[in-house]
């Protein structure tokens, strides 16, 4: 990261470190909110071969400010509109 502060509204460049994990999620299970912080539990479906039961394993807890949540919401809304315009998705995905 540069030692120079970002000028005006210019955002700093994005870098992805070599150790950043890529985590697949099937959905979210529970949200909490306290003191301006939102915590969103993300899960992946896992099959237990011993019992043949499927479980929602929490694989990540995304924790962010309400401002960040609103920014992500706006970005995802734009992405969904773009994907719909490209006929990559239709309608709204079902709730999980």
N, C-alpha and C. Protein backbone atom coordinates (compact mmCIF):
# COMPACT_ATOMS: atom_id res chain seq x y z
N UNK A 1 0.84 -1.17 0.00
CA UNK A 1 0.00 0.00 0.00
C UNK A 1 0.88 1.23 0.00
N UNK A 2 0.45 2.25 -0.66
CA UNK A 2 1.22 3.47 -0.77
C UNK A 2 1.19 4.24 0.54
N UNK A 3 2.26 4.99 0.80
CA UNK A 3 2.30 5.85 1.97
C UNK A 3 1.51 7.13 1.75
N UNK A 4 1.16 7.41 0.50
CA UNK A 4 0.46 8.65 0.19
C UNK A 4 -1.04 8.49 0.45
N UNK A 5 -1.66 9.49 1.10
CA UNK A 5 -3.11 9.42 1.30
C UNK A 5 -3.85 9.62 -0.03
N UNK A 6 -5.03 9.04 -0.12
CA UNK A 6 -5.85 9.21 -1.32
C UNK A 6 -6.30 10.67 -1.39
N UNK A 7 -6.21 11.26 -2.58
CA UNK A 7 -6.58 12.65 -2.77
C UNK A 7 -8.07 12.77 -3.03
N UNK A 8 -8.73 13.68 -2.32
CA UNK A 8 -10.15 13.92 -2.53
C UNK A 8 -10.98 12.67 -2.36
N UNK A 9 -11.84 12.39 -3.33
CA UNK A 9 -12.70 11.21 -3.30
C UNK A 9 -12.06 10.01 -3.99
N UNK A 10 -10.83 10.16 -4.45
CA UNK A 10 -10.16 9.06 -5.14
C UNK A 10 -9.91 7.91 -4.18
N UNK A 11 -10.27 6.70 -4.61
CA UNK A 11 -10.10 5.52 -3.79
C UNK A 11 -8.71 4.94 -4.02
N UNK A 12 -8.12 4.35 -2.99
CA UNK A 12 -6.82 3.72 -3.20
C UNK A 12 -6.95 2.51 -4.11
N UNK A 13 -5.86 2.11 -4.79
CA UNK A 13 -5.93 0.93 -5.66
C UNK A 13 -6.17 -0.33 -4.84
N UNK A 14 -6.74 -1.34 -5.49
CA UNK A 14 -7.06 -2.61 -4.83
C UNK A 14 -5.95 -3.61 -5.11
N UNK A 15 -5.54 -4.31 -4.06
CA UNK A 15 -4.59 -5.41 -4.21
C UNK A 15 -5.18 -6.63 -3.52
N UNK A 16 -4.99 -7.80 -4.12
CA UNK A 16 -5.45 -9.05 -3.50
C UNK A 16 -4.21 -9.83 -3.11
N UNK A 17 -4.06 -10.05 -1.82
CA UNK A 17 -2.90 -10.77 -1.32
C UNK A 17 -2.94 -12.24 -1.69
N UNK A 18 -1.77 -12.89 -1.70
CA UNK A 18 -1.70 -14.29 -2.10
C UNK A 18 -2.39 -15.25 -1.12
N UNK A 19 -2.63 -14.81 0.11
CA UNK A 19 -3.21 -15.72 1.09
C UNK A 19 -4.70 -15.46 1.35
N UNK A 20 -5.35 -14.66 0.49
CA UNK A 20 -6.77 -14.39 0.68
C UNK A 20 -7.56 -15.62 0.27
N UNK A 21 -8.33 -16.20 1.21
CA UNK A 21 -9.08 -17.41 0.86
C UNK A 21 -10.30 -17.10 0.00
N UNK A 22 -10.65 -18.04 -0.85
CA UNK A 22 -11.89 -17.96 -1.61
C UNK A 22 -12.85 -18.93 -0.95
N UNK A 23 -13.96 -18.42 -0.45
CA UNK A 23 -14.90 -19.23 0.33
C UNK A 23 -16.22 -19.30 -0.41
N UNK A 24 -16.65 -20.52 -0.75
CA UNK A 24 -17.95 -20.72 -1.39
C UNK A 24 -19.03 -20.76 -0.31
N UNK A 25 -20.14 -20.06 -0.55
CA UNK A 25 -21.26 -20.10 0.39
C UNK A 25 -22.53 -20.46 -0.36
N UNK A 26 -23.40 -21.20 0.33
CA UNK A 26 -24.72 -21.54 -0.21
C UNK A 26 -25.78 -20.55 0.24
N UNK A 27 -25.52 -19.80 1.29
CA UNK A 27 -26.51 -18.86 1.78
C UNK A 27 -26.06 -18.22 3.07
N UNK A 28 -27.01 -17.54 3.72
CA UNK A 28 -26.72 -16.92 5.01
C UNK A 28 -27.67 -17.45 6.06
N UNK A 29 -27.19 -17.53 7.27
CA UNK A 29 -27.99 -18.04 8.38
C UNK A 29 -27.83 -17.09 9.56
N UNK A 30 -28.69 -16.14 9.62
CA UNK A 30 -28.69 -15.25 10.77
C UNK A 30 -27.85 -14.01 10.57
N UNK A 31 -28.40 -12.92 11.06
CA UNK A 31 -27.75 -11.62 11.03
C UNK A 31 -27.91 -11.00 12.40
N UNK A 32 -26.87 -10.36 12.89
CA UNK A 32 -26.99 -9.63 14.15
C UNK A 32 -26.54 -8.20 13.92
N UNK A 33 -27.05 -7.30 14.74
CA UNK A 33 -26.72 -5.89 14.63
C UNK A 33 -26.59 -5.30 16.02
N UNK A 34 -25.48 -4.63 16.27
CA UNK A 34 -25.28 -3.96 17.55
C UNK A 34 -24.25 -2.85 17.37
N UNK A 35 -24.55 -1.70 17.92
CA UNK A 35 -23.63 -0.56 17.92
C UNK A 35 -23.09 -0.21 16.54
N UNK A 36 -23.96 -0.27 15.53
CA UNK A 36 -23.57 0.10 14.18
C UNK A 36 -22.80 -0.96 13.42
N UNK A 37 -22.71 -2.17 13.98
CA UNK A 37 -21.97 -3.25 13.33
C UNK A 37 -22.94 -4.37 12.98
N UNK A 38 -22.87 -4.83 11.72
CA UNK A 38 -23.70 -5.92 11.23
C UNK A 38 -22.82 -7.16 11.10
N UNK A 39 -23.32 -8.29 11.60
CA UNK A 39 -22.62 -9.57 11.46
C UNK A 39 -23.54 -10.51 10.70
N UNK A 40 -23.03 -11.04 9.61
CA UNK A 40 -23.79 -11.91 8.72
C UNK A 40 -23.11 -13.26 8.67
N UNK A 41 -23.80 -14.31 9.13
CA UNK A 41 -23.25 -15.67 9.11
C UNK A 41 -23.52 -16.31 7.75
N UNK A 42 -22.47 -16.75 7.08
CA UNK A 42 -22.57 -17.38 5.77
C UNK A 42 -22.29 -18.86 5.91
N UNK A 43 -23.08 -19.69 5.23
CA UNK A 43 -22.94 -21.13 5.40
C UNK A 43 -22.71 -21.84 4.08
N UNK A 44 -22.18 -23.05 4.21
CA UNK A 44 -22.05 -23.99 3.10
C UNK A 44 -22.75 -25.28 3.53
N UNK A 45 -23.49 -25.88 2.62
CA UNK A 45 -24.16 -27.14 2.92
C UNK A 45 -23.15 -28.27 2.92
N UNK A 46 -23.18 -29.08 3.97
CA UNK A 46 -22.24 -30.19 4.11
C UNK A 46 -23.01 -31.46 4.40
N UNK A 47 -22.62 -32.53 3.74
CA UNK A 47 -23.24 -33.83 3.95
C UNK A 47 -22.41 -34.62 4.96
N UNK A 48 -23.06 -35.13 5.98
CA UNK A 48 -22.41 -36.02 6.94
C UNK A 48 -22.62 -37.44 6.44
N UNK A 49 -21.56 -38.09 5.93
CA UNK A 49 -21.74 -39.42 5.34
C UNK A 49 -22.17 -40.47 6.35
N UNK A 50 -21.85 -40.27 7.62
CA UNK A 50 -22.22 -41.26 8.64
C UNK A 50 -23.73 -41.29 8.86
N UNK A 51 -24.36 -40.11 8.89
CA UNK A 51 -25.80 -40.05 9.15
C UNK A 51 -26.62 -39.75 7.90
N UNK A 52 -25.94 -39.40 6.80
CA UNK A 52 -26.59 -39.00 5.55
C UNK A 52 -27.43 -37.73 5.73
N UNK A 53 -27.11 -36.96 6.76
CA UNK A 53 -27.81 -35.70 7.02
C UNK A 53 -27.02 -34.54 6.42
N UNK A 54 -27.75 -33.52 6.01
CA UNK A 54 -27.12 -32.31 5.49
C UNK A 54 -27.17 -31.24 6.56
N UNK A 55 -26.06 -30.54 6.73
CA UNK A 55 -25.95 -29.48 7.75
C UNK A 55 -25.52 -28.18 7.10
N UNK A 56 -25.93 -27.07 7.71
CA UNK A 56 -25.45 -25.76 7.32
C UNK A 56 -24.24 -25.45 8.20
N UNK A 57 -23.06 -25.57 7.64
CA UNK A 57 -21.84 -25.24 8.37
C UNK A 57 -21.50 -23.78 8.13
N UNK A 58 -21.41 -22.99 9.20
CA UNK A 58 -21.00 -21.60 9.08
C UNK A 58 -19.53 -21.59 8.67
N UNK A 59 -19.25 -21.01 7.50
CA UNK A 59 -17.88 -21.00 6.98
C UNK A 59 -17.25 -19.62 7.04
N UNK A 60 -18.07 -18.60 7.33
CA UNK A 60 -17.55 -17.24 7.37
C UNK A 60 -18.55 -16.35 8.10
N UNK A 61 -18.05 -15.41 8.87
CA UNK A 61 -18.90 -14.38 9.46
C UNK A 61 -18.40 -13.04 8.92
N UNK A 62 -19.20 -12.45 8.06
CA UNK A 62 -18.85 -11.14 7.50
C UNK A 62 -19.32 -10.08 8.49
N UNK A 63 -18.40 -9.27 8.95
CA UNK A 63 -18.69 -8.24 9.94
C UNK A 63 -18.35 -6.89 9.32
N UNK A 64 -19.30 -5.96 9.38
CA UNK A 64 -19.10 -4.68 8.70
C UNK A 64 -19.94 -3.58 9.34
N UNK A 65 -19.60 -2.35 9.01
CA UNK A 65 -20.40 -1.21 9.45
C UNK A 65 -21.68 -1.14 8.61
N UNK A 66 -22.64 -0.39 9.09
CA UNK A 66 -23.88 -0.24 8.32
C UNK A 66 -23.61 0.48 7.00
N UNK A 67 -22.66 1.42 6.98
CA UNK A 67 -22.32 2.10 5.72
C UNK A 67 -21.76 1.11 4.71
N UNK A 68 -20.90 0.21 5.16
CA UNK A 68 -20.36 -0.80 4.25
C UNK A 68 -21.46 -1.72 3.75
N UNK A 69 -22.38 -2.11 4.63
CA UNK A 69 -23.51 -2.94 4.22
C UNK A 69 -24.31 -2.26 3.12
N UNK A 70 -24.58 -0.97 3.27
CA UNK A 70 -25.33 -0.23 2.26
C UNK A 70 -24.56 -0.16 0.94
N UNK A 71 -23.25 0.02 1.01
CA UNK A 71 -22.43 0.06 -0.21
C UNK A 71 -22.45 -1.29 -0.93
N UNK A 72 -22.35 -2.37 -0.17
CA UNK A 72 -22.40 -3.71 -0.76
C UNK A 72 -23.77 -3.96 -1.37
N UNK A 73 -24.82 -3.55 -0.68
CA UNK A 73 -26.19 -3.72 -1.18
C UNK A 73 -26.34 -3.01 -2.53
N UNK A 74 -25.86 -1.78 -2.61
CA UNK A 74 -25.96 -1.02 -3.86
C UNK A 74 -25.15 -1.71 -4.97
N UNK A 75 -23.96 -2.17 -4.65
CA UNK A 75 -23.11 -2.83 -5.65
C UNK A 75 -23.75 -4.12 -6.14
N UNK A 76 -24.30 -4.92 -5.24
CA UNK A 76 -24.95 -6.18 -5.64
C UNK A 76 -26.21 -5.91 -6.45
N UNK A 77 -26.95 -4.86 -6.08
CA UNK A 77 -28.13 -4.49 -6.86
C UNK A 77 -27.76 -4.15 -8.29
N UNK A 78 -26.67 -3.40 -8.46
CA UNK A 78 -26.19 -3.07 -9.80
C UNK A 78 -25.73 -4.29 -10.57
N UNK A 79 -25.05 -5.19 -9.88
CA UNK A 79 -24.59 -6.43 -10.51
C UNK A 79 -25.77 -7.28 -10.98
N UNK A 80 -26.80 -7.39 -10.13
CA UNK A 80 -27.98 -8.17 -10.50
C UNK A 80 -28.66 -7.57 -11.73
N UNK A 81 -28.78 -6.25 -11.78
CA UNK A 81 -29.38 -5.61 -12.96
C UNK A 81 -28.57 -5.89 -14.22
N UNK A 82 -27.24 -5.82 -14.09
CA UNK A 82 -26.38 -6.10 -15.25
C UNK A 82 -26.52 -7.55 -15.71
N UNK A 83 -26.56 -8.48 -14.76
CA UNK A 83 -26.71 -9.90 -15.11
C UNK A 83 -28.07 -10.18 -15.74
N UNK A 84 -29.12 -9.51 -15.23
CA UNK A 84 -30.45 -9.67 -15.83
C UNK A 84 -30.48 -9.10 -17.25
N UNK A 85 -29.83 -7.95 -17.45
CA UNK A 85 -29.79 -7.33 -18.77
C UNK A 85 -29.04 -8.22 -19.77
N UNK A 86 -28.06 -8.97 -19.28
CA UNK A 86 -27.30 -9.87 -20.14
C UNK A 86 -27.95 -11.25 -20.25
N UNK A 87 -29.15 -11.41 -19.66
CA UNK A 87 -29.87 -12.69 -19.62
C UNK A 87 -29.05 -13.81 -18.97
N UNK A 88 -28.17 -13.43 -18.06
CA UNK A 88 -27.38 -14.42 -17.33
C UNK A 88 -28.17 -14.98 -16.16
N UNK A 89 -29.11 -14.20 -15.65
CA UNK A 89 -30.02 -14.64 -14.60
C UNK A 89 -31.40 -14.09 -14.91
N UNK A 90 -32.42 -14.76 -14.40
CA UNK A 90 -33.79 -14.30 -14.59
C UNK A 90 -34.46 -14.13 -13.23
N UNK A 91 -35.09 -13.00 -13.04
CA UNK A 91 -35.84 -12.78 -11.81
C UNK A 91 -34.98 -12.72 -10.58
N UNK A 92 -35.61 -13.02 -9.48
CA UNK A 92 -34.94 -13.00 -8.18
C UNK A 92 -34.68 -14.43 -7.72
N UNK A 93 -33.47 -14.70 -7.24
CA UNK A 93 -33.18 -16.06 -6.77
C UNK A 93 -34.05 -16.41 -5.57
N UNK A 94 -34.34 -17.69 -5.38
CA UNK A 94 -35.16 -18.10 -4.24
C UNK A 94 -34.43 -17.88 -2.93
N UNK A 95 -35.19 -17.65 -1.87
CA UNK A 95 -34.61 -17.48 -0.54
C UNK A 95 -34.01 -18.81 -0.09
N UNK A 96 -32.92 -18.70 0.67
CA UNK A 96 -32.28 -19.93 1.18
C UNK A 96 -32.45 -20.04 2.67
